[in-house]
């Protein structure tokens, strides 16, 4: 009687030296299990895919390393670096805005004080007024001008008050980080010439709006003879006022109407210059605010662009993860079946 072998759940007459597989006799070996090898190879492939999917789910990135996609990884890395630079630009804009706002606020106060001085000079023109008392008020207002100028300091910079021998020069505020089409990068700045804002210059009074002498002939159509020039603030007289000093905007009991008219004209002329300076600072403030908004929006857009390149679609990855987990379980079962099939050969040696 022919020996029988097991195929599935039934016994089948054995082929000579072979097993019956799908109606055909197949060679059986206890050294080489082809079915187990095929199942193991499939399981390894599933495990690799599962590992990749799990990494994407845990990191949220479809392209995490250069090995995932060299081109996208390179672009994303460069743009992340640029975005850090743009973030630094936003911080620099905030610092620049604070400096400009400080200068503008002080300058605005100076204009208000100057307007008050002009009003006092006009009041001194009224007959019978006590000019000495008005002058005392003007002196206090001048002290306020100096105080406002000295207080306009932020982060060690004061654009209104200069104590150095050299001019304050041009001040720059970092405005943007630019990468050209050719890959070259540069930092763009907003520049402001402090020549348009300095109020008091200790070393060279001619560089300050409040300390420079103004010729009457330059600002009045019919200037009175022998009057002027006038300076608003003489720093040597701030701490030690001299009521007899000449060429300084201050009034005495014998100050004439012509002199008062000249002082009013000088004061009004300075206010116009200060107003222009404040307008310039205001324009820079608006530009900085616009640039801050643009930089913030640009950073968000770059983040979105990077995300489109390297971020994983979590809906897709979670679905793939579930499918791969199911395939892994089936692969393990297939490998178990393939390994157990060799045990069936033992039945050939049983009585």
C-alpha atoms as a PDB file:
ATOM      1  CA  UNK A   1       0.000   0.000   0.000  1.00  0.00           C
ATOM      2  CA  UNK A   2       1.340   3.444  -0.932  1.00  0.00           C
ATOM      3  CA  UNK A   3       2.227   5.830   1.893  1.00  0.00           C
ATOM      4  CA  UNK A   4       0.065   8.918   2.226  1.00  0.00           C
ATOM      5  CA  UNK A   5       0.951  12.547   2.944  1.00  0.00           C
ATOM      6  CA  UNK A   6      -1.088  15.372   4.396  1.00  0.00           C
ATOM      7  CA  UNK A   7      -2.248  18.207   2.120  1.00  0.00           C
ATOM      8  CA  UNK A   8      -4.434  20.668   3.975  1.00  0.00           C
ATOM      9  CA  UNK A   9      -6.792  18.555   6.096  1.00  0.00           C
ATOM     10  CA  UNK A  10      -6.870  15.368   4.024  1.00  0.00           C
ATOM     11  CA  UNK A  11      -4.482  12.504   3.292  1.00  0.00           C
ATOM     12  CA  UNK A  12      -3.314  12.143  -0.279  1.00  0.00           C
ATOM     13  CA  UNK A  13      -1.447   9.267  -1.868  1.00  0.00           C
ATOM     14  CA  UNK A  14       2.183  10.269  -2.019  1.00  0.00           C
ATOM     15  CA  UNK A  15       4.046  10.795  -5.233  1.00  0.00           C
ATOM     16  CA  UNK A  16       7.400   9.112  -5.321  1.00  0.00           C
ATOM     17  CA  UNK A  17       9.739  11.309  -3.276  1.00  0.00           C
ATOM     18  CA  UNK A  18       7.384  14.269  -3.682  1.00  0.00           C
ATOM     19  CA  UNK A  19       4.437  16.016  -2.055  1.00  0.00           C
ATOM     20  CA  UNK A  20       1.234  16.852  -3.846  1.00  0.00           C
ATOM     21  CA  UNK A  21       0.838  20.639  -4.086  1.00  0.00           C
ATOM     22  CA  UNK A  22      -2.168  22.107  -5.983  1.00  0.00           C
ATOM     23  CA  UNK A  23      -2.678  18.804  -7.790  1.00  0.00           C
ATOM     24  CA  UNK A  24       0.995  18.480  -8.660  1.00  0.00           C
ATOM     25  CA  UNK A  25       3.710  16.489  -7.016  1.00  0.00           C
ATOM     26  CA  UNK A  26       6.296  18.748  -5.397  1.00  0.00           C
ATOM     27  CA  UNK A  27       9.634  17.880  -3.920  1.00  0.00           C
ATOM     28  CA  UNK A  28       9.763  18.103  -0.131  1.00  0.00           C
ATOM     29  CA  UNK A  29      12.942  19.107   1.727  1.00  0.00           C
ATOM     30  CA  UNK A  30      13.607  19.460   5.442  1.00  0.00           C
ATOM     31  CA  UNK A  31      16.589  21.681   4.687  1.00  0.00           C
ATOM     32  CA  UNK A  32      14.967  24.238   2.405  1.00  0.00           C
ATOM     33  CA  UNK A  33      11.473  25.540   3.116  1.00  0.00           C
ATOM     34  CA  UNK A  34      10.598  27.641   0.053  1.00  0.00           C
ATOM     35  CA  UNK A  35       7.176  28.586   1.370  1.00  0.00           C
ATOM     36  CA  UNK A  36       8.645  29.853   4.649  1.00  0.00           C
ATOM     37  CA  UNK A  37      11.294  31.830   2.793  1.00  0.00           C
ATOM     38  CA  UNK A  38       8.641  33.503   0.599  1.00  0.00           C
ATOM     39  CA  UNK A  39       6.484  34.286   3.632  1.00  0.00           C
ATOM     40  CA  UNK A  40       9.489  35.678   5.505  1.00  0.00           C
ATOM     41  CA  UNK A  41      10.434  37.903   2.576  1.00  0.00           C
ATOM     42  CA  UNK A  42       6.888  39.247   2.408  1.00  0.00           C
ATOM     43  CA  UNK A  43       6.851  39.837   6.168  1.00  0.00           C
ATOM     44  CA  UNK A  44      10.137  41.737   5.996  1.00  0.00           C
ATOM     45  CA  UNK A  45       8.719  44.004   3.280  1.00  0.00           C
ATOM     46  CA  UNK A  46       5.616  44.643   5.369  1.00  0.00           C
ATOM     47  CA  UNK A  47       7.761  45.383   8.441  1.00  0.00           C
ATOM     48  CA  UNK A  48       9.852  47.907   6.482  1.00  0.00           C
ATOM     49  CA  UNK A  49       6.739  49.670   5.217  1.00  0.00           C
ATOM     50  CA  UNK A  50       5.249  49.590   8.714  1.00  0.00           C
ATOM     51  CA  UNK A  51       8.412  51.084  10.205  1.00  0.00           C
ATOM     52  CA  UNK A  52       8.364  53.900   7.629  1.00  0.00           C
ATOM     53  CA  UNK A  53       4.694  54.639   8.263  1.00  0.00           C
ATOM     54  CA  UNK A  54       5.139  54.587  12.041  1.00  0.00           C
ATOM     55  CA  UNK A  55       8.046  57.052  11.710  1.00  0.00           C
ATOM     56  CA  UNK A  56       5.870  59.386   9.625  1.00  0.00           C
ATOM     57  CA  UNK A  57       3.028  59.164  12.138  1.00  0.00           C
ATOM     58  CA  UNK A  58       5.302  59.840  15.108  1.00  0.00           C
ATOM     59  CA  UNK A  59       7.279  62.706  13.492  1.00  0.00           C
ATOM     60  CA  UNK A  60       4.515  64.135  11.304  1.00  0.00           C
ATOM     61  CA  UNK A  61       7.002  64.304   8.428  1.00  0.00           C
ATOM     62  CA  UNK A  62       6.870  62.518   5.117  1.00  0.00           C
ATOM     63  CA  UNK A  63      10.417  63.676   4.328  1.00  0.00           C
ATOM     64  CA  UNK A  64      12.443  63.647   7.545  1.00  0.00           C
ATOM     65  CA  UNK A  65      15.923  62.882   6.218  1.00  0.00           C
ATOM     66  CA  UNK A  66      17.732  63.279   2.921  1.00  0.00           C
ATOM     67  CA  UNK A  67      17.278  59.554   2.321  1.00  0.00           C
ATOM     68  CA  UNK A  68      13.498  60.039   2.159  1.00  0.00           C
ATOM     69  CA  UNK A  69      13.647  62.569  -0.696  1.00  0.00           C
ATOM     70  CA  UNK A  70      16.926  64.376  -1.269  1.00  0.00           C
ATOM     71  CA  UNK A  71      15.471  67.188  -3.399  1.00  0.00           C
ATOM     72  CA  UNK A  72      12.607  68.082  -1.075  1.00  0.00           C
ATOM     73  CA  UNK A  73      14.776  67.685   2.022  1.00  0.00           C
ATOM     74  CA  UNK A  74      17.359  70.089   0.573  1.00  0.00           C
ATOM     75  CA  UNK A  75      14.740  72.722  -0.293  1.00  0.00           C
ATOM     76  CA  UNK A  76      13.033  72.391   3.088  1.00  0.00           C
ATOM     77  CA  UNK A  77      16.329  72.659   4.992  1.00  0.00           C
ATOM     78  CA  UNK A  78      17.307  75.814   3.125  1.00  0.00           C
ATOM     79  CA  UNK A  79      13.911  77.416   3.642  1.00  0.00           C
ATOM     80  CA  UNK A  80      13.912  76.553   7.340  1.00  0.00           C
ATOM     81  CA  UNK A  81      17.275  78.293   7.641  1.00  0.00           C
ATOM     82  CA  UNK A  82      15.924  81.342   5.796  1.00  0.00           C
ATOM     83  CA  UNK A  83      12.862  81.366   8.013  1.00  0.00           C
ATOM     84  CA  UNK A  84      15.065  81.543  11.108  1.00  0.00           C
ATOM     85  CA  UNK A  85      16.794  84.552   9.564  1.00  0.00           C
ATOM     86  CA  UNK A  86      13.402  86.131   8.820  1.00  0.00           C
ATOM     87  CA  UNK A  87      12.395  85.554  12.434  1.00  0.00           C
ATOM     88  CA  UNK A  88      15.527  87.429  13.497  1.00  0.00           C
ATOM     89  CA  UNK A  89      14.581  90.229  11.098  1.00  0.00           C
ATOM     90  CA  UNK A  90      11.219  90.482  12.846  1.00  0.00           C
ATOM     91  CA  UNK A  91      13.025  90.914  16.174  1.00  0.00           C
ATOM     92  CA  UNK A  92      15.316  93.544  14.648  1.00  0.00           C
ATOM     93  CA  UNK A  93      12.309  95.402  13.268  1.00  0.00           C
ATOM     94  CA  UNK A  94      10.812  95.435  16.735  1.00  0.00           C
ATOM     95  CA  UNK A  95      14.018  96.929  18.130  1.00  0.00           C
ATOM     96  CA  UNK A  96      14.165  99.495  15.321  1.00  0.00           C
ATOM     97  CA  UNK A  97      10.522 100.408  15.838  1.00  0.00           C
ATOM     98  CA  UNK A  98      11.211 100.996  19.530  1.00  0.00           C
ATOM     99  CA  UNK A  99      14.093 103.357  18.692  1.00  0.00           C
ATOM    100  CA  UNK A 100      12.045 105.307  16.168  1.00  0.00           C
ATOM    101  CA  UNK A 101       9.032 105.472  18.487  1.00  0.00           C
ATOM    102  CA  UNK A 102      11.204 106.767  21.313  1.00  0.00           C
ATOM    103  CA  UNK A 103      12.669 109.512  19.115  1.00  0.00           C
ATOM    104  CA  UNK A 104       9.247 110.391  17.709  1.00  0.00           C
ATOM    105  CA  UNK A 105       7.607 110.574  21.144  1.00  0.00           C
ATOM    106  CA  UNK A 106      10.299 112.886  22.474  1.00  0.00           C
ATOM    107  CA  UNK A 107      10.204 115.006  19.337  1.00  0.00           C
ATOM    108  CA  UNK A 108       6.434 115.309  19.611  1.00  0.00           C
ATOM    109  CA  UNK A 109       6.824 116.570  23.171  1.00  0.00           C
ATOM    110  CA  UNK A 110       9.479 119.045  22.037  1.00  0.00           C
ATOM    111  CA  UNK A 111       7.109 120.446  19.410  1.00  0.00           C
ATOM    112  CA  UNK A 112       4.424 120.937  22.056  1.00  0.00           C
ATOM    113  CA  UNK A 113       6.893 122.744  24.331  1.00  0.00           C
ATOM    114  CA  UNK A 114       8.096 124.888  21.442  1.00  0.00           C
ATOM    115  CA  UNK A 115       4.519 125.846  20.674  1.00  0.00           C
ATOM    116  CA  UNK A 116       4.134 126.861  24.307  1.00  0.00           C
ATOM    117  CA  UNK A 117       7.289 128.995  24.087  1.00  0.00           C
ATOM    118  CA  UNK A 118       5.906 130.697  20.987  1.00  0.00           C
ATOM    119  CA  UNK A 119       2.684 131.401  22.870  1.00  0.00           C
ATOM    120  CA  UNK A 120       4.667 132.919  25.750  1.00  0.00           C
ATOM    121  CA  UNK A 121       6.570 135.158  23.345  1.00  0.00           C
ATOM    122  CA  UNK A 122       3.306 136.319  21.809  1.00  0.00           C
ATOM    123  CA  UNK A 123       1.941 136.982  25.300  1.00  0.00           C
ATOM    124  CA  UNK A 124       5.030 139.078  26.107  1.00  0.00           C
ATOM    125  CA  UNK A 125       4.014 141.424  23.317  1.00  0.00           C
ATOM    126  CA  UNK A 126       0.919 142.546  25.202  1.00  0.00           C
ATOM    127  CA  UNK A 127       1.284 145.989  26.791  1.00  0.00           C
ATOM    128  CA  UNK A 128       1.764 146.021  30.542  1.00  0.00           C
ATOM    129  CA  UNK A 129       2.622 142.327  30.887  1.00  0.00           C
ATOM    130  CA  UNK A 130       5.372 141.267  33.302  1.00  0.00           C
ATOM    131  CA  UNK A 131       8.067 140.152  30.856  1.00  0.00           C
ATOM    132  CA  UNK A 132      10.404 138.882  33.568  1.00  0.00           C
ATOM    133  CA  UNK A 133       7.820 136.386  34.828  1.00  0.00           C
ATOM    134  CA  UNK A 134       7.174 135.227  31.273  1.00  0.00           C
ATOM    135  CA  UNK A 135      10.913 134.767  30.812  1.00  0.00           C
ATOM    136  CA  UNK A 136      11.021 132.582  33.939  1.00  0.00           C
ATOM    137  CA  UNK A 137       8.387 130.358  32.346  1.00  0.00           C
ATOM    138  CA  UNK A 138      10.360 130.257  29.098  1.00  0.00           C
ATOM    139  CA  UNK A 139      13.487 129.171  30.990  1.00  0.00           C
ATOM    140  CA  UNK A 140      11.574 126.267  32.553  1.00  0.00           C
ATOM    141  CA  UNK A 141      10.220 125.299  29.153  1.00  0.00           C
ATOM    142  CA  UNK A 142      13.767 125.295  27.796  1.00  0.00           C
ATOM    143  CA  UNK A 143      14.786 122.946  30.602  1.00  0.00           C
ATOM    144  CA  UNK A 144      11.956 120.677  29.466  1.00  0.00           C
ATOM    145  CA  UNK A 145      13.326 120.782  25.909  1.00  0.00           C
ATOM    146  CA  UNK A 146      16.719 119.616  27.151  1.00  0.00           C
ATOM    147  CA  UNK A 147      15.162 116.930  29.349  1.00  0.00           C
ATOM    148  CA  UNK A 148      13.013 115.574  26.499  1.00  0.00           C
ATOM    149  CA  UNK A 149      16.032 115.476  24.187  1.00  0.00           C
ATOM    150  CA  UNK A 150      18.214 113.686  26.732  1.00  0.00           C
ATOM    151  CA  UNK A 151      15.478 111.175  27.541  1.00  0.00           C
ATOM    152  CA  UNK A 152      15.057 110.014  23.930  1.00  0.00           C
ATOM    153  CA  UNK A 153      17.407 107.095  24.455  1.00  0.00           C
ATOM    154  CA  UNK A 154      16.684 103.440  23.727  1.00  0.00           C
ATOM    155  CA  UNK A 155      19.195 100.591  23.782  1.00  0.00           C
ATOM    156  CA  UNK A 156      22.044 103.055  24.170  1.00  0.00           C
ATOM    157  CA  UNK A 157      21.093 105.189  21.172  1.00  0.00           C
ATOM    158  CA  UNK A 158      19.736 108.731  21.196  1.00  0.00           C
ATOM    159  CA  UNK A 159      18.837 110.252  17.851  1.00  0.00           C
ATOM    160  CA  UNK A 160      18.012 113.681  19.301  1.00  0.00           C
ATOM    161  CA  UNK A 161      20.880 114.456  21.648  1.00  0.00           C
ATOM    162  CA  UNK A 162      24.545 114.237  20.631  1.00  0.00           C
ATOM    163  CA  UNK A 163      27.459 114.616  22.997  1.00  0.00           C
ATOM    164  CA  UNK A 164      30.151 113.229  20.701  1.00  0.00           C
ATOM    165  CA  UNK A 165      32.586 115.083  18.515  1.00  0.00           C
ATOM    166  CA  UNK A 166      31.318 113.332  15.393  1.00  0.00           C
ATOM    167  CA  UNK A 167      27.804 113.577  13.949  1.00  0.00           C
ATOM    168  CA  UNK A 168      25.438 110.749  14.833  1.00  0.00           C
ATOM    169  CA  UNK A 169      25.283 109.907  11.136  1.00  0.00           C
ATOM    170  CA  UNK A 170      22.941 107.475   9.423  1.00  0.00           C
ATOM    171  CA  UNK A 171      21.145 104.921  11.563  1.00  0.00           C
ATOM    172  CA  UNK A 172      20.029 101.645  10.013  1.00  0.00           C
ATOM    173  CA  UNK A 173      17.208  99.310  10.951  1.00  0.00           C
ATOM    174  CA  UNK A 174      17.304  95.725   9.636  1.00  0.00           C
ATOM    175  CA  UNK A 175      14.247  95.425   7.408  1.00  0.00           C
ATOM    176  CA  UNK A 176      14.382  92.158   5.479  1.00  0.00           C
ATOM    177  CA  UNK A 177      16.346  89.049   4.540  1.00  0.00           C
ATOM    178  CA  UNK A 178      16.466  88.587   0.768  1.00  0.00           C
ATOM    179  CA  UNK A 179      17.484  85.525  -1.270  1.00  0.00           C
ATOM    180  CA  UNK A 180      17.883  86.181  -4.981  1.00  0.00           C
ATOM    181  CA  UNK A 181      16.978  83.772  -7.768  1.00  0.00           C
ATOM    182  CA  UNK A 182      20.682  82.922  -8.035  1.00  0.00           C
ATOM    183  CA  UNK A 183      20.845  81.872  -4.393  1.00  0.00           C
ATOM    184  CA  UNK A 184      22.688  84.951  -3.148  1.00  0.00           C
ATOM    185  CA  UNK A 185      21.508  86.422   0.149  1.00  0.00           C
ATOM    186  CA  UNK A 186      21.636  89.905   1.617  1.00  0.00           C
ATOM    187  CA  UNK A 187      20.135  91.882   4.476  1.00  0.00           C
ATOM    188  CA  UNK A 188      18.188  95.000   3.493  1.00  0.00           C
ATOM    189  CA  UNK A 189      17.939  97.955   5.860  1.00  0.00           C
ATOM    190  CA  UNK A 190      15.869 101.064   6.464  1.00  0.00           C
ATOM    191  CA  UNK A 191      18.151 104.077   6.811  1.00  0.00           C
ATOM    192  CA  UNK A 192      17.515 107.312   8.680  1.00  0.00           C
ATOM    193  CA  UNK A 193      19.868 110.297   8.646  1.00  0.00           C
ATOM    194  CA  UNK A 194      19.953 111.744  12.154  1.00  0.00           C
ATOM    195  CA  UNK A 195      20.959 115.080  10.638  1.00  0.00           C
ATOM    196  CA  UNK A 196      17.170 115.474  10.299  1.00  0.00           C
ATOM    197  CA  UNK A 197      16.447 114.785  13.971  1.00  0.00           C
ATOM    198  CA  UNK A 198      19.261 116.043  16.216  1.00  0.00           C
ATOM    199  CA  UNK A 199      17.921 118.749  18.508  1.00  0.00           C
ATOM    200  CA  UNK A 200      20.929 119.438  20.715  1.00  0.00           C
ATOM    201  CA  UNK A 201      24.585 118.952  19.822  1.00  0.00           C
ATOM    202  CA  UNK A 202      27.036 119.678  22.595  1.00  0.00           C
ATOM    203  CA  UNK A 203      30.237 119.757  20.553  1.00  0.00           C
ATOM    204  CA  UNK A 204      28.917 121.487  17.435  1.00  0.00           C
ATOM    205  CA  UNK A 205      25.773 123.555  18.137  1.00  0.00           C
ATOM    206  CA  UNK A 206      25.237 124.156  14.422  1.00  0.00           C
ATOM    207  CA  UNK A 207      24.247 120.482  14.049  1.00  0.00           C
ATOM    208  CA  UNK A 208      21.208 120.788  16.359  1.00  0.00           C
ATOM    209  CA  UNK A 209      17.854 122.397  15.611  1.00  0.00           C
ATOM    210  CA  UNK A 210      17.659 123.959  19.073  1.00  0.00           C
ATOM    211  CA  UNK A 211      21.307 124.898  19.452  1.00  0.00           C
ATOM    212  CA  UNK A 212      22.109 126.417  16.068  1.00  0.00           C
ATOM    213  CA  UNK A 213      21.926 130.149  15.457  1.00  0.00           C
ATOM    214  CA  UNK A 214      19.309 131.322  12.959  1.00  0.00           C
ATOM    215  CA  UNK A 215      19.750 134.484  10.954  1.00  0.00           C
ATOM    216  CA  UNK A 216      16.758 136.790  10.950  1.00  0.00           C
ATOM    217  CA  UNK A 217      17.448 137.827   7.375  1.00  0.00           C
ATOM    218  CA  UNK A 218      16.862 134.233   6.243  1.00  0.00           C
ATOM    219  CA  UNK A 219      13.384 133.861   7.712  1.00  0.00           C
ATOM    220  CA  UNK A 220      11.747 137.315   7.704  1.00  0.00           C
ATOM    221  CA  UNK A 221      10.681 139.353   4.676  1.00  0.00           C
ATOM    222  CA  UNK A 222      11.431 142.710   6.283  1.00  0.00           C
ATOM    223  CA  UNK A 223      13.849 141.965   9.120  1.00  0.00           C
ATOM    224  CA  UNK A 224      14.600 144.741  11.585  1.00  0.00           C
ATOM    225  CA  UNK A 225      18.133 146.020  11.402  1.00  0.00           C
ATOM    226  CA  UNK A 226      20.691 145.055  14.013  1.00  0.00           C
ATOM    227  CA  UNK A 227      18.712 142.145  15.485  1.00  0.00           C
ATOM    228  CA  UNK A 228      19.806 138.516  15.663  1.00  0.00           C
ATOM    229  CA  UNK A 229      20.915 135.925  14.967  1.00  0.00           C
ATOM    230  CA  UNK A 230      19.054 133.957  17.649  1.00  0.00           C
ATOM    231  CA  UNK A 231      19.578 130.549  19.193  1.00  0.00           C
ATOM    232  CA  UNK A 232      16.858 128.750  21.105  1.00  0.00           C
ATOM    233  CA  UNK A 233      19.114 126.976  23.612  1.00  0.00           C
ATOM    234  CA  UNK A 234      22.630 127.860  24.696  1.00  0.00           C
ATOM    235  CA  UNK A 235      23.760 124.849  26.721  1.00  0.00           C
ATOM    236  CA  UNK A 236      26.225 127.028  28.672  1.00  0.00           C
ATOM    237  CA  UNK A 237      23.274 129.030  30.007  1.00  0.00           C
ATOM    238  CA  UNK A 238      20.990 126.143  30.967  1.00  0.00           C
ATOM    239  CA  UNK A 239      22.497 125.592  34.401  1.00  0.00           C
ATOM    240  CA  UNK A 240      23.694 129.193  34.793  1.00  0.00           C
ATOM    241  CA  UNK A 241      21.179 131.562  33.167  1.00  0.00           C
ATOM    242  CA  UNK A 242      22.470 134.997  32.273  1.00  0.00           C
ATOM    243  CA  UNK A 243      19.692 137.600  31.931  1.00  0.00           C
ATOM    244  CA  UNK A 244      22.045 139.882  30.034  1.00  0.00           C
ATOM    245  CA  UNK A 245      23.052 137.303  27.427  1.00  0.00           C
ATOM    246  CA  UNK A 246      22.426 138.310  23.832  1.00  0.00           C
ATOM    247  CA  UNK A 247      21.543 136.210  20.800  1.00  0.00           C
ATOM    248  CA  UNK A 248      19.472 133.816  22.927  1.00  0.00           C
ATOM    249  CA  UNK A 249      15.701 133.612  22.901  1.00  0.00           C
ATOM    250  CA  UNK A 250      14.900 135.119  26.257  1.00  0.00           C
ATOM    251  CA  UNK A 251      13.103 138.329  27.147  1.00  0.00           C
ATOM    252  CA  UNK A 252      13.860 141.151  29.535  1.00  0.00           C
ATOM    253  CA  UNK A 253      11.938 144.158  30.744  1.00  0.00           C
ATOM    254  CA  UNK A 254      13.356 146.314  27.948  1.00  0.00           C
ATOM    255  CA  UNK A 255      12.929 143.804  25.115  1.00  0.00           C
ATOM    256  CA  UNK A 256      11.437 145.651  22.133  1.00  0.00           C
ATOM    257  CA  UNK A 257       8.518 144.594  19.978  1.00  0.00           C
ATOM    258  CA  UNK A 258      10.881 144.194  17.027  1.00  0.00           C
ATOM    259  CA  UNK A 259      13.018 141.775  19.039  1.00  0.00           C
ATOM    260  CA  UNK A 260       9.939 139.862  20.146  1.00  0.00           C
ATOM    261  CA  UNK A 261       8.740 139.605  16.545  1.00  0.00           C
ATOM    262  CA  UNK A 262      12.138 138.267  15.531  1.00  0.00           C
ATOM    263  CA  UNK A 263      12.107 135.711  18.373  1.00  0.00           C
ATOM    264  CA  UNK A 264       8.609 134.597  17.424  1.00  0.00           C
ATOM    265  CA  UNK A 265       9.702 134.152  13.804  1.00  0.00           C
ATOM    266  CA  UNK A 266      12.746 132.109  14.879  1.00  0.00           C
ATOM    267  CA  UNK A 267      10.643 129.931  17.160  1.00  0.00           C
ATOM    268  CA  UNK A 268       8.080 129.348  14.418  1.00  0.00           C
ATOM    269  CA  UNK A 269      10.867 128.516  11.958  1.00  0.00           C
ATOM    270  CA  UNK A 270      12.298 125.910  14.361  1.00  0.00           C
ATOM    271  CA  UNK A 271       8.839 124.402  14.887  1.00  0.00           C
ATOM    272  CA  UNK A 272       8.502 123.932  11.123  1.00  0.00           C
ATOM    273  CA  UNK A 273      11.852 122.109  11.019  1.00  0.00           C
ATOM    274  CA  UNK A 274      10.845 119.939  13.957  1.00  0.00           C
ATOM    275  CA  UNK A 275       7.518 119.172  12.317  1.00  0.00           C
ATOM    276  CA  UNK A 276       9.318 118.008   9.175  1.00  0.00           C
ATOM    277  CA  UNK A 277      11.620 115.826  11.282  1.00  0.00           C
ATOM    278  CA  UNK A 278       8.629 114.307  13.088  1.00  0.00           C
ATOM    279  CA  UNK A 279       6.940 113.645   9.745  1.00  0.00           C
ATOM    280  CA  UNK A 280      10.017 111.767   8.559  1.00  0.00           C
ATOM    281  CA  UNK A 281      10.095 109.660  11.717  1.00  0.00           C
ATOM    282  CA  UNK A 282       6.373 109.016  11.379  1.00  0.00           C
ATOM    283  CA  UNK A 283       6.844 107.800   7.815  1.00  0.00           C
ATOM    284  CA  UNK A 284       9.624 105.445   8.943  1.00  0.00           C
ATOM    285  CA  UNK A 285       7.403 104.158  11.746  1.00  0.00           C
ATOM    286  CA  UNK A 286       4.650 103.356   9.258  1.00  0.00           C
ATOM    287  CA  UNK A 287       7.151 101.643   6.949  1.00  0.00           C
ATOM    288  CA  UNK A 288       8.470  99.545   9.834  1.00  0.00           C
ATOM    289  CA  UNK A 289       4.933  98.542  10.837  1.00  0.00           C
ATOM    290  CA  UNK A 290       4.163  97.509   7.269  1.00  0.00           C
ATOM    291  CA  UNK A 291       7.416  95.560   7.061  1.00  0.00           C
ATOM    292  CA  UNK A 292       6.694  93.821  10.373  1.00  0.00           C
ATOM    293  CA  UNK A 293       3.313  92.693   9.050  1.00  0.00           C
ATOM    294  CA  UNK A 294       4.872  91.532   5.778  1.00  0.00           C
ATOM    295  CA  UNK A 295       7.690  89.629   7.518  1.00  0.00           C
ATOM    296  CA  UNK A 296       5.211  87.852   9.800  1.00  0.00           C
ATOM    297  CA  UNK A 297       3.043  86.867   6.820  1.00  0.00           C
ATOM    298  CA  UNK A 298       6.095  85.797   4.813  1.00  0.00           C
ATOM    299  CA  UNK A 299       7.255  83.532   7.627  1.00  0.00           C
ATOM    300  CA  UNK A 300       3.835  81.854   7.743  1.00  0.00           C
ATOM    301  CA  UNK A 301       3.792  81.378   3.960  1.00  0.00           C
ATOM    302  CA  UNK A 302       7.254  79.799   4.000  1.00  0.00           C
ATOM    303  CA  UNK A 303       6.166  77.448   6.791  1.00  0.00           C
ATOM    304  CA  UNK A 304       3.174  76.401   4.696  1.00  0.00           C
ATOM    305  CA  UNK A 305       5.387  75.848   1.666  1.00  0.00           C
ATOM    306  CA  UNK A 306       7.758  73.659   3.670  1.00  0.00           C
ATOM    307  CA  UNK A 307       4.793  71.733   5.012  1.00  0.00           C
ATOM    308  CA  UNK A 308       3.526  70.980   1.518  1.00  0.00           C
ATOM    309  CA  UNK A 309       6.914  69.474   0.674  1.00  0.00           C
ATOM    310  CA  UNK A 310       7.712  67.403   3.738  1.00  0.00           C
ATOM    311  CA  UNK A 311       4.682  67.063   6.011  1.00  0.00           C
ATOM    312  CA  UNK A 312       2.884  63.728   6.181  1.00  0.00           C
ATOM    313  CA  UNK A 313      -0.828  63.416   5.436  1.00  0.00           C
ATOM    314  CA  UNK A 314      -1.949  62.014   8.792  1.00  0.00           C
ATOM    315  CA  UNK A 315      -5.277  60.740   7.416  1.00  0.00           C
ATOM    316  CA  UNK A 316      -3.474  58.777   4.736  1.00  0.00           C
ATOM    317  CA  UNK A 317      -0.716  57.547   7.032  1.00  0.00           C
ATOM    318  CA  UNK A 318      -3.101  56.411   9.766  1.00  0.00           C
ATOM    319  CA  UNK A 319      -5.111  54.421   7.210  1.00  0.00           C
ATOM    320  CA  UNK A 320      -1.923  52.897   5.795  1.00  0.00           C
ATOM    321  CA  UNK A 321      -0.722  52.067   9.319  1.00  0.00           C
ATOM    322  CA  UNK A 322      -3.903  50.114  10.066  1.00  0.00           C
ATOM    323  CA  UNK A 323      -3.664  48.220   6.777  1.00  0.00           C
ATOM    324  CA  UNK A 324      -0.003  47.365   7.313  1.00  0.00           C
ATOM    325  CA  UNK A 325      -0.688  46.141  10.841  1.00  0.00           C
ATOM    326  CA  UNK A 326      -3.330  43.813   9.400  1.00  0.00           C
ATOM    327  CA  UNK A 327      -0.918  42.644   6.691  1.00  0.00           C
ATOM    328  CA  UNK A 328       1.739  42.063   9.330  1.00  0.00           C
ATOM    329  CA  UNK A 329      -0.588  39.798  11.290  1.00  0.00           C
ATOM    330  CA  UNK A 330      -1.478  37.867   8.137  1.00  0.00           C
ATOM    331  CA  UNK A 331       2.199  37.603   7.216  1.00  0.00           C
ATOM    332  CA  UNK A 332       3.022  36.163  10.625  1.00  0.00           C
ATOM    333  CA  UNK A 333       0.237  33.606  10.209  1.00  0.00           C
ATOM    334  CA  UNK A 334       1.491  32.696   6.720  1.00  0.00           C
ATOM    335  CA  UNK A 335       5.007  32.229   8.038  1.00  0.00           C
ATOM    336  CA  UNK A 336       3.671  30.082  10.861  1.00  0.00           C
ATOM    337  CA  UNK A 337       1.756  27.890   8.387  1.00  0.00           C
ATOM    338  CA  UNK A 338       4.801  27.579   6.132  1.00  0.00           C
ATOM    339  CA  UNK A 339       6.992  26.552   9.061  1.00  0.00           C
ATOM    340  CA  UNK A 340       4.442  24.028  10.337  1.00  0.00           C
ATOM    341  CA  UNK A 341       4.061  22.345   6.934  1.00  0.00           C
ATOM    342  CA  UNK A 342       7.435  20.652   7.385  1.00  0.00           C
ATOM    343  CA  UNK A 343       6.126  18.962  10.502  1.00  0.00           C
ATOM    344  CA  UNK A 344       3.624  17.078   8.358  1.00  0.00           C
ATOM    345  CA  UNK A 345       6.504  15.010   7.000  1.00  0.00           C
ATOM    346  CA  UNK A 346       6.720  13.325  10.380  1.00  0.00           C
ATOM    347  CA  UNK A 347       3.465  11.583   9.592  1.00  0.00           C
ATOM    348  CA  UNK A 348       5.235   9.685   6.807  1.00  0.00           C
ATOM    349  CA  UNK A 349       7.353   7.946   9.431  1.00  0.00           C
ATOM    350  CA  UNK A 350       4.545   7.039  11.729  1.00  0.00           C
ATOM    351  CA  UNK A 351       3.211   3.475  11.850  1.00  0.00           C
END
